[in-house]
N, C-alpha and C. Protein backbone atom coordinates (compact mmCIF):
# COMPACT_ATOMS: atom_id res chain seq x y z
N MET A 1 31.48 15.81 -44.47
CA MET A 1 31.93 17.19 -44.57
C MET A 1 33.41 17.23 -44.95
N GLN A 2 33.75 18.10 -45.92
CA GLN A 2 35.12 18.18 -46.42
C GLN A 2 36.04 18.85 -45.41
N THR A 3 37.25 18.33 -45.32
CA THR A 3 38.26 19.02 -44.54
C THR A 3 38.91 20.07 -45.44
N GLU A 4 39.69 20.97 -44.84
CA GLU A 4 40.39 21.98 -45.64
C GLU A 4 41.34 21.31 -46.63
N LYS A 5 41.96 20.24 -46.19
CA LYS A 5 42.90 19.51 -47.04
C LYS A 5 42.19 18.91 -48.24
N GLN A 6 41.00 18.33 -48.01
CA GLN A 6 40.22 17.74 -49.11
C GLN A 6 39.75 18.83 -50.08
N ALA A 7 39.34 19.96 -49.54
CA ALA A 7 38.88 21.08 -50.38
C ALA A 7 40.01 21.57 -51.26
N ALA A 8 41.22 21.68 -50.68
CA ALA A 8 42.39 22.12 -51.44
C ALA A 8 42.74 21.09 -52.51
N ARG A 9 42.59 19.81 -52.17
CA ARG A 9 42.90 18.74 -53.13
C ARG A 9 41.89 18.75 -54.27
N ARG A 10 40.63 18.97 -53.95
CA ARG A 10 39.59 19.07 -54.98
C ARG A 10 39.89 20.23 -55.93
N ALA A 11 40.31 21.35 -55.36
CA ALA A 11 40.63 22.52 -56.18
C ALA A 11 41.77 22.20 -57.14
N GLU A 12 42.77 21.47 -56.67
CA GLU A 12 43.90 21.07 -57.53
C GLU A 12 43.42 20.16 -58.66
N ILE A 13 42.56 19.21 -58.33
CA ILE A 13 42.03 18.28 -59.34
C ILE A 13 41.19 19.04 -60.36
N GLU A 14 40.36 19.96 -59.90
CA GLU A 14 39.49 20.72 -60.81
C GLU A 14 40.30 21.69 -61.67
N ASP A 15 41.38 22.23 -61.12
CA ASP A 15 42.28 23.07 -61.93
C ASP A 15 42.91 22.25 -63.04
N ALA A 16 43.32 21.02 -62.70
CA ALA A 16 43.91 20.13 -63.71
C ALA A 16 42.88 19.78 -64.78
N ALA A 17 41.63 19.54 -64.35
CA ALA A 17 40.56 19.22 -65.30
C ALA A 17 40.31 20.39 -66.25
N PHE A 18 40.31 21.60 -65.71
CA PHE A 18 40.13 22.79 -66.56
C PHE A 18 41.26 22.91 -67.58
N ARG A 19 42.49 22.67 -67.15
CA ARG A 19 43.64 22.77 -68.07
C ARG A 19 43.49 21.80 -69.24
N ILE A 20 43.09 20.58 -68.94
CA ILE A 20 42.92 19.56 -70.00
C ILE A 20 41.73 19.91 -70.88
N LEU A 21 40.64 20.35 -70.26
CA LEU A 21 39.44 20.73 -71.01
C LEU A 21 39.76 21.87 -71.99
N LEU A 22 40.53 22.85 -71.53
CA LEU A 22 40.91 23.98 -72.38
C LEU A 22 41.80 23.54 -73.54
N LYS A 23 42.67 22.60 -73.25
CA LYS A 23 43.64 22.16 -74.26
C LYS A 23 43.06 21.15 -75.24
N LYS A 24 42.27 20.20 -74.74
CA LYS A 24 41.84 19.07 -75.57
C LYS A 24 40.35 19.00 -75.87
N GLY A 25 39.53 19.74 -75.13
CA GLY A 25 38.09 19.63 -75.31
C GLY A 25 37.51 18.53 -74.45
N TYR A 26 36.19 18.51 -74.34
CA TYR A 26 35.52 17.59 -73.44
C TYR A 26 35.69 16.12 -73.85
N ALA A 27 35.52 15.83 -75.12
CA ALA A 27 35.58 14.43 -75.58
C ALA A 27 36.92 13.78 -75.25
N ALA A 28 38.00 14.56 -75.36
CA ALA A 28 39.34 14.01 -75.13
C ALA A 28 39.77 14.12 -73.66
N THR A 29 38.93 14.68 -72.82
CA THR A 29 39.24 14.78 -71.39
C THR A 29 38.72 13.51 -70.70
N SER A 30 39.61 12.75 -70.13
CA SER A 30 39.19 11.53 -69.44
C SER A 30 39.49 11.65 -67.95
N MET A 31 38.83 10.85 -67.16
CA MET A 31 39.09 10.83 -65.72
C MET A 31 40.55 10.44 -65.47
N PHE A 32 41.05 9.51 -66.27
CA PHE A 32 42.44 9.05 -66.11
C PHE A 32 43.42 10.18 -66.39
N SER A 33 43.18 10.95 -67.47
CA SER A 33 44.10 12.04 -67.81
C SER A 33 44.08 13.14 -66.74
N VAL A 34 42.90 13.37 -66.16
CA VAL A 34 42.80 14.37 -65.09
C VAL A 34 43.52 13.86 -63.84
N ALA A 35 43.32 12.60 -63.52
CA ALA A 35 44.00 12.00 -62.35
C ALA A 35 45.52 12.10 -62.51
N GLN A 36 46.00 11.78 -63.71
CA GLN A 36 47.45 11.86 -63.97
C GLN A 36 47.96 13.29 -63.82
N ALA A 37 47.25 14.24 -64.42
CA ALA A 37 47.68 15.63 -64.38
C ALA A 37 47.65 16.20 -62.97
N ALA A 38 46.73 15.70 -62.14
CA ALA A 38 46.60 16.21 -60.78
C ALA A 38 47.43 15.42 -59.78
N GLY A 39 48.05 14.32 -60.25
CA GLY A 39 48.82 13.47 -59.34
C GLY A 39 47.91 12.78 -58.33
N ALA A 40 46.70 12.44 -58.79
CA ALA A 40 45.72 11.78 -57.92
C ALA A 40 45.43 10.38 -58.47
N SER A 41 44.78 9.57 -57.67
CA SER A 41 44.43 8.24 -58.15
C SER A 41 43.08 8.30 -58.88
N ASN A 42 42.92 7.38 -59.82
CA ASN A 42 41.65 7.27 -60.54
C ASN A 42 40.51 6.99 -59.56
N GLU A 43 40.82 6.17 -58.54
CA GLU A 43 39.82 5.80 -57.54
C GLU A 43 39.30 7.04 -56.80
N THR A 44 40.21 7.96 -56.48
CA THR A 44 39.82 9.19 -55.78
C THR A 44 38.84 9.99 -56.63
N LEU A 45 39.15 10.14 -57.93
CA LEU A 45 38.27 10.91 -58.81
C LEU A 45 36.89 10.29 -58.89
N TYR A 46 36.82 8.97 -59.05
CA TYR A 46 35.53 8.32 -59.16
C TYR A 46 34.76 8.36 -57.83
N ARG A 47 35.49 8.30 -56.71
CA ARG A 47 34.84 8.36 -55.41
C ARG A 47 34.26 9.76 -55.15
N TRP A 48 35.00 10.79 -55.55
CA TRP A 48 34.57 12.16 -55.29
C TRP A 48 33.56 12.70 -56.30
N TYR A 49 33.72 12.30 -57.57
CA TYR A 49 32.88 12.90 -58.62
C TYR A 49 31.91 11.92 -59.28
N GLY A 50 32.09 10.65 -59.06
CA GLY A 50 31.21 9.66 -59.66
C GLY A 50 31.64 9.26 -61.06
N ASP A 51 31.69 10.23 -61.95
CA ASP A 51 32.12 9.98 -63.33
C ASP A 51 32.50 11.32 -63.96
N LYS A 52 32.76 11.29 -65.27
CA LYS A 52 33.18 12.50 -65.97
C LYS A 52 32.11 13.58 -65.95
N VAL A 53 30.85 13.19 -66.04
CA VAL A 53 29.75 14.16 -65.99
C VAL A 53 29.71 14.83 -64.62
N GLY A 54 29.95 14.04 -63.57
CA GLY A 54 29.99 14.58 -62.22
C GLY A 54 31.14 15.57 -62.04
N LEU A 55 32.25 15.28 -62.67
CA LEU A 55 33.40 16.21 -62.63
C LEU A 55 33.05 17.50 -63.37
N PHE A 56 32.40 17.37 -64.52
CA PHE A 56 31.96 18.54 -65.29
C PHE A 56 31.02 19.40 -64.44
N LYS A 57 30.11 18.76 -63.73
CA LYS A 57 29.17 19.48 -62.87
C LYS A 57 29.94 20.27 -61.80
N ALA A 58 30.95 19.65 -61.22
CA ALA A 58 31.75 20.33 -60.19
C ALA A 58 32.46 21.54 -60.77
N LEU A 59 32.92 21.44 -62.01
CA LEU A 59 33.58 22.57 -62.66
C LEU A 59 32.60 23.73 -62.89
N VAL A 60 31.40 23.39 -63.32
CA VAL A 60 30.36 24.40 -63.55
C VAL A 60 30.00 25.09 -62.24
N GLU A 61 29.80 24.29 -61.19
CA GLU A 61 29.41 24.83 -59.89
C GLU A 61 30.51 25.72 -59.32
N ARG A 62 31.75 25.32 -59.52
CA ARG A 62 32.88 26.12 -59.03
C ARG A 62 32.92 27.48 -59.74
N ASN A 63 32.69 27.46 -61.04
CA ASN A 63 32.66 28.72 -61.80
C ASN A 63 31.53 29.62 -61.32
N ALA A 64 30.35 29.03 -61.10
CA ALA A 64 29.19 29.80 -60.66
C ALA A 64 29.40 30.38 -59.26
N LEU A 65 30.08 29.64 -58.40
CA LEU A 65 30.32 30.09 -57.03
C LEU A 65 31.15 31.38 -56.97
N SER A 66 32.01 31.56 -57.97
CA SER A 66 32.86 32.76 -57.97
C SER A 66 32.02 34.03 -58.10
N ILE A 67 30.79 33.89 -58.62
CA ILE A 67 29.87 35.02 -58.72
C ILE A 67 28.82 34.96 -57.61
N SER A 68 28.22 33.79 -57.40
CA SER A 68 27.11 33.69 -56.45
C SER A 68 27.54 33.97 -55.01
N THR A 69 28.76 33.62 -54.64
CA THR A 69 29.21 33.84 -53.27
C THR A 69 29.30 35.33 -52.92
N PRO A 70 30.06 36.14 -53.70
CA PRO A 70 30.11 37.57 -53.36
C PRO A 70 28.77 38.29 -53.58
N LEU A 71 27.99 37.82 -54.55
CA LEU A 71 26.69 38.44 -54.81
C LEU A 71 25.74 38.19 -53.64
N SER A 72 25.72 36.97 -53.14
CA SER A 72 24.89 36.63 -51.97
C SER A 72 25.30 37.44 -50.75
N ALA A 73 26.61 37.57 -50.55
CA ALA A 73 27.12 38.32 -49.39
C ALA A 73 26.70 39.78 -49.48
N ALA A 74 26.77 40.36 -50.67
CA ALA A 74 26.40 41.77 -50.85
C ALA A 74 24.91 41.98 -50.61
N ILE A 75 24.09 41.04 -51.07
CA ILE A 75 22.64 41.13 -50.87
C ILE A 75 22.32 41.04 -49.38
N GLU A 76 22.95 40.09 -48.70
CA GLU A 76 22.72 39.92 -47.26
C GLU A 76 23.14 41.16 -46.48
N ALA A 77 24.17 41.84 -46.96
CA ALA A 77 24.65 43.05 -46.29
C ALA A 77 23.76 44.26 -46.59
N GLY A 78 22.80 44.09 -47.51
CA GLY A 78 21.87 45.16 -47.84
C GLY A 78 22.46 46.24 -48.74
N ALA A 79 23.51 45.88 -49.48
CA ALA A 79 24.14 46.87 -50.38
C ALA A 79 23.19 47.22 -51.52
N PRO A 80 23.16 48.50 -51.93
CA PRO A 80 22.28 48.91 -53.04
C PRO A 80 22.80 48.38 -54.38
N PRO A 81 21.91 48.21 -55.38
CA PRO A 81 22.33 47.69 -56.69
C PRO A 81 23.52 48.43 -57.29
N SER A 82 23.56 49.76 -57.14
CA SER A 82 24.66 50.52 -57.75
C SER A 82 26.01 50.05 -57.25
N LYS A 83 26.14 49.85 -55.93
CA LYS A 83 27.42 49.42 -55.36
C LYS A 83 27.73 47.97 -55.71
N VAL A 84 26.69 47.14 -55.67
CA VAL A 84 26.89 45.72 -55.97
C VAL A 84 27.36 45.54 -57.42
N LEU A 85 26.68 46.22 -58.35
CA LEU A 85 26.99 46.03 -59.76
C LEU A 85 28.34 46.63 -60.17
N GLN A 86 28.80 47.62 -59.42
CA GLN A 86 30.14 48.17 -59.69
C GLN A 86 31.19 47.09 -59.53
N LYS A 87 30.99 46.21 -58.54
CA LYS A 87 31.96 45.14 -58.30
C LYS A 87 31.62 43.87 -59.07
N ILE A 88 30.34 43.49 -59.02
CA ILE A 88 29.93 42.20 -59.60
C ILE A 88 29.84 42.23 -61.12
N GLY A 89 29.40 43.37 -61.69
CA GLY A 89 29.24 43.46 -63.15
C GLY A 89 30.50 43.09 -63.92
N PRO A 90 31.63 43.77 -63.65
CA PRO A 90 32.86 43.41 -64.37
C PRO A 90 33.30 41.97 -64.10
N LYS A 91 33.13 41.52 -62.86
CA LYS A 91 33.53 40.15 -62.50
C LYS A 91 32.70 39.12 -63.27
N LEU A 92 31.38 39.36 -63.34
CA LEU A 92 30.49 38.44 -64.04
C LEU A 92 30.83 38.38 -65.53
N LEU A 93 31.02 39.54 -66.14
CA LEU A 93 31.35 39.57 -67.57
C LEU A 93 32.69 38.88 -67.84
N ALA A 94 33.66 39.13 -66.98
CA ALA A 94 34.98 38.49 -67.13
C ALA A 94 34.87 36.97 -67.00
N GLU A 95 34.07 36.52 -66.03
CA GLU A 95 33.89 35.07 -65.83
C GLU A 95 33.19 34.42 -67.01
N LEU A 96 32.10 35.04 -67.46
CA LEU A 96 31.29 34.43 -68.53
C LEU A 96 31.97 34.43 -69.89
N THR A 97 32.92 35.32 -70.08
CA THR A 97 33.64 35.38 -71.36
C THR A 97 35.07 34.87 -71.22
N GLY A 98 35.41 34.40 -70.02
CA GLY A 98 36.75 33.88 -69.76
C GLY A 98 36.94 32.47 -70.33
N GLU A 99 38.17 32.01 -70.30
CA GLU A 99 38.52 30.73 -70.90
C GLU A 99 37.75 29.55 -70.30
N ARG A 100 37.56 29.56 -68.99
CA ARG A 100 36.90 28.43 -68.34
C ARG A 100 35.43 28.32 -68.75
N ALA A 101 34.73 29.44 -68.70
CA ALA A 101 33.31 29.42 -69.09
C ALA A 101 33.16 29.06 -70.56
N VAL A 102 34.06 29.55 -71.39
CA VAL A 102 34.03 29.24 -72.83
C VAL A 102 34.23 27.74 -73.04
N ALA A 103 35.19 27.15 -72.33
CA ALA A 103 35.45 25.71 -72.45
C ALA A 103 34.24 24.89 -72.00
N LEU A 104 33.60 25.31 -70.91
CA LEU A 104 32.41 24.60 -70.42
C LEU A 104 31.25 24.69 -71.41
N ASN A 105 31.06 25.87 -71.99
CA ASN A 105 29.99 26.04 -72.98
C ASN A 105 30.27 25.26 -74.26
N ARG A 106 31.52 25.21 -74.66
CA ARG A 106 31.87 24.42 -75.85
C ARG A 106 31.62 22.94 -75.61
N ALA A 107 31.93 22.49 -74.41
CA ALA A 107 31.68 21.09 -74.05
C ALA A 107 30.18 20.78 -74.11
N ALA A 108 29.38 21.69 -73.56
CA ALA A 108 27.93 21.50 -73.57
C ALA A 108 27.38 21.50 -74.99
N ALA A 109 27.91 22.38 -75.83
CA ALA A 109 27.46 22.45 -77.23
C ALA A 109 27.82 21.17 -77.98
N ALA A 110 29.03 20.66 -77.73
CA ALA A 110 29.47 19.43 -78.40
C ALA A 110 28.63 18.22 -77.97
N ASP A 111 28.10 18.27 -76.76
CA ASP A 111 27.31 17.16 -76.22
C ASP A 111 25.82 17.26 -76.58
N ALA A 112 25.42 18.39 -77.13
CA ALA A 112 23.99 18.63 -77.38
C ALA A 112 23.32 17.54 -78.21
N ASP A 113 24.02 17.02 -79.22
CA ASP A 113 23.44 15.99 -80.10
C ASP A 113 23.67 14.58 -79.57
N GLN A 114 24.40 14.47 -78.45
CA GLN A 114 24.66 13.15 -77.89
C GLN A 114 23.75 12.87 -76.69
N THR A 115 24.06 13.46 -75.55
CA THR A 115 23.22 13.21 -74.37
C THR A 115 22.39 14.43 -73.98
N GLY A 116 22.88 15.64 -74.26
CA GLY A 116 22.19 16.85 -73.85
C GLY A 116 22.28 17.13 -72.36
N VAL A 117 22.97 16.24 -71.65
CA VAL A 117 23.08 16.35 -70.19
C VAL A 117 23.91 17.57 -69.77
N LEU A 118 24.99 17.82 -70.49
CA LEU A 118 25.90 18.89 -70.10
C LEU A 118 25.25 20.27 -70.22
N GLY A 119 24.47 20.47 -71.28
CA GLY A 119 23.79 21.75 -71.46
C GLY A 119 22.78 22.02 -70.35
N ALA A 120 22.02 20.98 -70.00
CA ALA A 120 21.03 21.11 -68.92
C ALA A 120 21.72 21.40 -67.59
N MET A 121 22.83 20.74 -67.38
CA MET A 121 23.60 20.93 -66.14
C MET A 121 24.19 22.33 -66.07
N LEU A 122 24.67 22.81 -67.20
CA LEU A 122 25.25 24.15 -67.27
C LEU A 122 24.19 25.20 -66.97
N ALA A 123 22.99 25.02 -67.53
CA ALA A 123 21.90 25.97 -67.29
C ALA A 123 21.46 25.95 -65.83
N LYS A 124 21.37 24.75 -65.25
CA LYS A 124 20.89 24.62 -63.88
C LYS A 124 21.90 25.14 -62.86
N SER A 125 23.15 24.77 -63.03
CA SER A 125 24.17 25.15 -62.04
C SER A 125 24.77 26.51 -62.31
N GLY A 126 24.57 27.04 -63.51
CA GLY A 126 25.12 28.35 -63.84
C GLY A 126 24.08 29.44 -63.74
N ARG A 127 23.43 29.74 -64.86
CA ARG A 127 22.46 30.85 -64.93
C ARG A 127 21.31 30.70 -63.94
N SER A 128 20.81 29.48 -63.76
CA SER A 128 19.68 29.29 -62.86
C SER A 128 20.06 29.49 -61.39
N THR A 129 21.34 29.50 -61.11
CA THR A 129 21.81 29.77 -59.75
C THR A 129 22.05 31.26 -59.56
N VAL A 130 22.61 31.90 -60.58
CA VAL A 130 23.01 33.31 -60.47
C VAL A 130 21.85 34.28 -60.73
N LYS A 131 21.03 34.00 -61.73
CA LYS A 131 19.95 34.94 -62.08
C LYS A 131 19.00 35.24 -60.92
N PRO A 132 18.55 34.22 -60.14
CA PRO A 132 17.66 34.53 -59.01
C PRO A 132 18.28 35.49 -57.99
N LEU A 133 19.59 35.49 -57.90
CA LEU A 133 20.26 36.42 -56.98
C LEU A 133 20.13 37.86 -57.49
N PHE A 134 20.21 38.03 -58.81
CA PHE A 134 20.00 39.37 -59.38
C PHE A 134 18.55 39.81 -59.19
N VAL A 135 17.62 38.87 -59.31
CA VAL A 135 16.20 39.19 -59.07
C VAL A 135 16.05 39.67 -57.63
N GLN A 136 16.68 38.96 -56.72
CA GLN A 136 16.64 39.34 -55.30
C GLN A 136 17.26 40.73 -55.08
N LEU A 137 18.36 40.99 -55.74
CA LEU A 137 19.04 42.28 -55.63
C LEU A 137 18.14 43.44 -56.04
N PHE A 138 17.39 43.22 -57.13
CA PHE A 138 16.55 44.30 -57.67
C PHE A 138 15.17 44.38 -57.02
N SER A 139 14.79 43.37 -56.24
CA SER A 139 13.44 43.31 -55.68
C SER A 139 13.08 44.51 -54.81
N ALA A 140 14.01 44.96 -53.98
CA ALA A 140 13.72 46.07 -53.06
C ALA A 140 13.38 47.35 -53.81
N SER A 141 14.07 47.58 -54.93
CA SER A 141 13.85 48.82 -55.69
C SER A 141 12.77 48.69 -56.75
N ALA A 142 12.65 47.51 -57.34
CA ALA A 142 11.78 47.35 -58.50
C ALA A 142 10.49 46.59 -58.22
N GLY A 143 10.40 45.93 -57.08
CA GLY A 143 9.24 45.08 -56.82
C GLY A 143 9.49 43.70 -57.39
N ARG A 144 8.91 42.69 -56.78
CA ARG A 144 9.22 41.29 -57.11
C ARG A 144 8.95 40.93 -58.58
N VAL A 145 7.80 41.35 -59.11
CA VAL A 145 7.45 40.98 -60.49
C VAL A 145 8.39 41.67 -61.47
N GLU A 146 8.56 42.96 -61.30
CA GLU A 146 9.40 43.70 -62.23
C GLU A 146 10.87 43.34 -62.08
N ALA A 147 11.27 42.89 -60.91
CA ALA A 147 12.67 42.54 -60.66
C ALA A 147 13.16 41.47 -61.63
N GLU A 148 12.28 40.55 -61.98
CA GLU A 148 12.61 39.50 -62.94
C GLU A 148 12.99 40.12 -64.29
N THR A 149 12.20 41.08 -64.73
CA THR A 149 12.45 41.77 -66.00
C THR A 149 13.72 42.61 -65.91
N VAL A 150 13.90 43.27 -64.77
CA VAL A 150 15.10 44.10 -64.57
C VAL A 150 16.35 43.23 -64.64
N ALA A 151 16.31 42.07 -64.00
CA ALA A 151 17.46 41.15 -64.02
C ALA A 151 17.77 40.70 -65.44
N GLU A 152 16.73 40.32 -66.18
CA GLU A 152 16.90 39.89 -67.58
C GLU A 152 17.50 41.02 -68.41
N THR A 153 16.98 42.23 -68.20
CA THR A 153 17.47 43.39 -68.95
C THR A 153 18.93 43.66 -68.65
N TYR A 154 19.28 43.61 -67.37
CA TYR A 154 20.66 43.87 -66.97
C TYR A 154 21.61 42.85 -67.59
N LEU A 155 21.26 41.58 -67.47
CA LEU A 155 22.14 40.52 -68.01
C LEU A 155 22.28 40.65 -69.53
N SER A 156 21.20 41.03 -70.21
CA SER A 156 21.26 41.23 -71.66
C SER A 156 22.16 42.41 -72.02
N LEU A 157 22.01 43.49 -71.26
CA LEU A 157 22.85 44.68 -71.51
C LEU A 157 24.32 44.38 -71.25
N LEU A 158 24.59 43.63 -70.20
CA LEU A 158 25.96 43.34 -69.81
C LEU A 158 26.63 42.36 -70.76
N ILE A 159 25.93 41.28 -71.07
CA ILE A 159 26.55 40.17 -71.81
C ILE A 159 26.25 40.21 -73.31
N GLY A 160 24.98 40.51 -73.65
CA GLY A 160 24.60 40.53 -75.06
C GLY A 160 24.96 39.22 -75.75
N GLU A 161 25.60 39.32 -76.90
CA GLU A 161 26.02 38.12 -77.64
C GLU A 161 27.51 37.84 -77.46
N THR A 162 28.12 38.55 -76.52
CA THR A 162 29.58 38.43 -76.35
C THR A 162 30.01 37.02 -75.99
N GLN A 163 29.29 36.38 -75.07
CA GLN A 163 29.68 35.03 -74.68
C GLN A 163 29.53 34.06 -75.86
N THR A 164 28.44 34.20 -76.61
CA THR A 164 28.24 33.35 -77.80
C THR A 164 29.39 33.54 -78.79
N HIS A 165 29.78 34.78 -79.01
CA HIS A 165 30.88 35.06 -79.93
C HIS A 165 32.21 34.49 -79.42
N ARG A 166 32.38 34.49 -78.10
CA ARG A 166 33.59 33.89 -77.53
C ARG A 166 33.58 32.37 -77.74
N VAL A 167 32.43 31.75 -77.49
CA VAL A 167 32.31 30.30 -77.60
C VAL A 167 32.55 29.84 -79.04
N THR A 168 32.04 30.62 -80.01
CA THR A 168 32.21 30.24 -81.42
C THR A 168 33.56 30.67 -81.99
N GLY A 169 34.35 31.38 -81.20
CA GLY A 169 35.68 31.81 -81.66
C GLY A 169 35.65 33.09 -82.47
N ALA A 170 34.50 33.76 -82.52
CA ALA A 170 34.39 35.00 -83.29
C ALA A 170 35.02 36.19 -82.56
N ARG A 171 35.22 36.04 -81.24
CA ARG A 171 35.83 37.11 -80.45
C ARG A 171 36.95 36.57 -79.60
N LYS A 172 37.97 37.37 -79.43
CA LYS A 172 39.07 37.00 -78.54
C LYS A 172 38.70 37.40 -77.11
N LEU A 173 39.54 37.00 -76.17
CA LEU A 173 39.36 37.33 -74.76
C LEU A 173 39.25 38.85 -74.59
N LEU A 174 38.26 39.29 -73.82
CA LEU A 174 38.05 40.72 -73.61
C LEU A 174 39.15 41.30 -72.71
N ARG A 175 39.58 42.50 -73.04
CA ARG A 175 40.56 43.18 -72.19
C ARG A 175 39.84 43.81 -71.01
N ARG A 176 40.60 44.05 -69.96
CA ARG A 176 40.03 44.60 -68.73
C ARG A 176 39.31 45.93 -68.98
N ALA A 177 39.92 46.81 -69.78
CA ALA A 177 39.31 48.11 -70.04
C ALA A 177 37.95 47.96 -70.72
N GLU A 178 37.83 47.01 -71.64
CA GLU A 178 36.55 46.79 -72.33
C GLU A 178 35.51 46.22 -71.37
N ILE A 179 35.94 45.32 -70.51
CA ILE A 179 35.04 44.73 -69.51
C ILE A 179 34.48 45.83 -68.59
N ASP A 180 35.36 46.69 -68.10
CA ASP A 180 34.93 47.78 -67.22
C ASP A 180 33.99 48.74 -67.93
N ARG A 181 34.31 49.05 -69.19
CA ARG A 181 33.48 49.97 -69.98
C ARG A 181 32.09 49.38 -70.20
N ARG A 182 32.03 48.12 -70.58
CA ARG A 182 30.74 47.47 -70.84
C ARG A 182 29.89 47.39 -69.57
N ALA A 183 30.55 47.06 -68.45
CA ALA A 183 29.83 46.94 -67.19
C ALA A 183 29.25 48.29 -66.77
N ALA A 184 30.04 49.35 -66.92
CA ALA A 184 29.56 50.69 -66.57
C ALA A 184 28.42 51.12 -67.48
N HIS A 185 28.54 50.79 -68.76
CA HIS A 185 27.51 51.15 -69.73
C HIS A 185 26.21 50.39 -69.44
N ALA A 186 26.32 49.11 -69.07
CA ALA A 186 25.13 48.30 -68.75
C ALA A 186 24.37 48.91 -67.58
N TRP A 187 25.09 49.34 -66.55
CA TRP A 187 24.44 49.96 -65.38
C TRP A 187 23.82 51.31 -65.76
N HIS A 188 24.54 52.10 -66.55
CA HIS A 188 24.03 53.40 -66.98
C HIS A 188 22.71 53.24 -67.76
N CYS A 189 22.68 52.28 -68.68
CA CYS A 189 21.47 52.04 -69.47
C CYS A 189 20.34 51.51 -68.61
N LEU A 190 20.68 50.64 -67.66
CA LEU A 190 19.65 50.08 -66.78
C LEU A 190 19.00 51.18 -65.95
N ARG A 191 19.81 52.11 -65.45
CA ARG A 191 19.27 53.23 -64.66
C ARG A 191 18.37 54.12 -65.52
N ALA A 192 18.73 54.26 -66.79
CA ALA A 192 17.90 55.07 -67.69
C ALA A 192 16.54 54.43 -67.93
N ILE A 193 16.54 53.09 -67.99
CA ILE A 193 15.27 52.37 -68.22
C ILE A 193 14.46 52.27 -66.92
N TYR A 194 15.15 52.04 -65.81
CA TYR A 194 14.50 51.88 -64.51
C TYR A 194 15.08 52.89 -63.52
N PRO A 195 14.65 54.15 -63.59
CA PRO A 195 15.21 55.20 -62.74
C PRO A 195 14.98 54.99 -61.24
N GLN A 196 14.06 54.07 -60.88
CA GLN A 196 13.79 53.85 -59.47
C GLN A 196 14.88 53.04 -58.77
N LEU A 197 15.80 52.47 -59.56
CA LEU A 197 16.87 51.65 -58.96
C LEU A 197 17.81 52.53 -58.15
N ALA A 198 18.19 52.03 -56.98
CA ALA A 198 19.10 52.80 -56.11
C ALA A 198 20.54 52.50 -56.46
């Protein structure tokens, strides 16, 4: 079990890894360069993460936690979709189109013709972790079967092709006003399609 000190140290190392990933890309990011940037030993990185793929997985999981943690808490508290999505919608869109998520997706795309491991890991630790929570959120209002469709519809309305355009460089970082507008519009459209949602 991690101590608070270890958790803080991991966060510092992962922040350093993100900085290098953003600047140099996945291929040029090495365990040694991350260790140097974080002021940590190479041995510590290999002991904690196993290898570079393990470090990448930790970065993906950390990004996903920023959404799954508050979303899980809201569901457990029994908050209605309208209140949850007011807070989570803008946060999710900002995260998925932000620099860190873009860097992780670019790394996975670059690895697709080599090992394909990063893309599978990104899908498993990212969308496959967050989407079931949206299904759970919508289940009370929409029913279990339809909740799956409602979740897919919501995510499509919210994100569309924006993340893809960010990853390919076709779009710049979204401004806060645009994020808020898109999130509000996604909820408005979802309510129009599924009026039973609370």
